[in-house]
Amino acid sequence: MPSDAHDWLYILAAEGSEYLMKECLLGRRPVTPNPAHRLGAVAESG
């Protein structure tokens, strides 16, 4: 698989939080999103 096969990953957590990771995760299996990846984090923090 080429290294640029995917460039984002959408995650819907069990509690309803949404995350978007905009990086290639080639070769990685477990991924843990952090608050910087959370959708709406900037709008909700203000």
C-alpha atoms as a PDB file:
ATOM      1  CA  MET A   1       0.000   0.000   0.000  1.00  0.00           C
ATOM      2  CA  PRO A   2       1.428   3.423  -0.908  1.00  0.00           C
ATOM      3  CA  SER A   3       2.325   5.745   1.963  1.00  0.00           C
ATOM      4  CA  ASP A   4      -0.264   8.309   0.860  1.00  0.00           C
ATOM      5  CA  ALA A   5      -3.111   5.798   0.587  1.00  0.00           C
ATOM      6  CA  HIS A   6      -5.210   7.737   3.083  1.00  0.00           C
ATOM      7  CA  ASP A   7      -4.871  11.210   4.490  1.00  0.00           C
ATOM      8  CA  TRP A   8      -7.566  11.378   7.176  1.00  0.00           C
ATOM      9  CA  LEU A   9      -9.382   9.214   9.704  1.00  0.00           C
ATOM     10  CA  TYR A  10     -12.815  10.007  11.148  1.00  0.00           C
ATOM     11  CA  ILE A  11     -13.524   8.571  14.606  1.00  0.00           C
ATOM     12  CA  LEU A  12     -16.904   8.505  16.335  1.00  0.00           C
ATOM     13  CA  ALA A  13     -16.280   7.611  19.982  1.00  0.00           C
ATOM     14  CA  ALA A  14     -18.792   5.622  22.036  1.00  0.00           C
ATOM     15  CA  GLU A  15     -19.823   8.726  24.031  1.00  0.00           C
ATOM     16  CA  GLY A  16     -20.556  10.647  20.811  1.00  0.00           C
ATOM     17  CA  SER A  17     -17.389  12.719  20.477  1.00  0.00           C
ATOM     18  CA  GLU A  18     -16.121  13.108  16.923  1.00  0.00           C
ATOM     19  CA  TYR A  19     -12.463  13.262  15.941  1.00  0.00           C
ATOM     20  CA  LEU A  20     -10.678  13.882  12.650  1.00  0.00           C
ATOM     21  CA  MET A  21      -7.032  12.914  12.265  1.00  0.00           C
ATOM     22  CA  LYS A  22      -5.474  14.486   9.177  1.00  0.00           C
ATOM     23  CA  GLU A  23      -2.320  12.434   8.873  1.00  0.00           C
ATOM     24  CA  CYS A  24      -1.246   9.217   7.254  1.00  0.00           C
ATOM     25  CA  LEU A  25      -1.276   6.405   9.792  1.00  0.00           C
ATOM     26  CA  LEU A  26       0.274   3.770   7.531  1.00  0.00           C
ATOM     27  CA  GLY A  27       1.715   0.911   9.548  1.00  0.00           C
ATOM     28  CA  ARG A  28      -0.086   1.832  12.784  1.00  0.00           C
ATOM     29  CA  ARG A  29      -2.856  -0.245  14.265  1.00  0.00           C
ATOM     30  CA  PRO A  30      -3.983   1.405  17.517  1.00  0.00           C
ATOM     31  CA  VAL A  31      -4.743   5.102  17.338  1.00  0.00           C
ATOM     32  CA  THR A  32      -5.734   7.284  20.286  1.00  0.00           C
ATOM     33  CA  PRO A  33      -7.204  10.654  19.360  1.00  0.00           C
ATOM     34  CA  ASN A  34      -6.379  13.608  21.581  1.00  0.00           C
ATOM     35  CA  PRO A  35      -8.315  16.851  22.217  1.00  0.00           C
ATOM     36  CA  ALA A  36      -6.558  18.579  19.295  1.00  0.00           C
ATOM     37  CA  HIS A  37      -8.220  16.088  16.924  1.00  0.00           C
ATOM     38  CA  ARG A  38     -11.733  16.676  18.289  1.00  0.00           C
ATOM     39  CA  LEU A  39     -14.186  18.222  15.846  1.00  0.00           C
ATOM     40  CA  GLY A  40     -15.658  21.459  17.146  1.00  0.00           C
ATOM     41  CA  ALA A  41     -13.048  21.792  19.892  1.00  0.00           C
ATOM     42  CA  VAL A  42     -12.181  25.372  18.941  1.00  0.00           C
ATOM     43  CA  ALA A  43     -15.797  26.505  18.737  1.00  0.00           C
ATOM     44  CA  GLU A  44     -16.746  24.785  22.002  1.00  0.00           C
ATOM     45  CA  SER A  45     -13.788  26.157  23.962  1.00  0.00           C
ATOM     46  CA  GLY A  46     -14.754  29.820  23.398  1.00  0.00           C
END
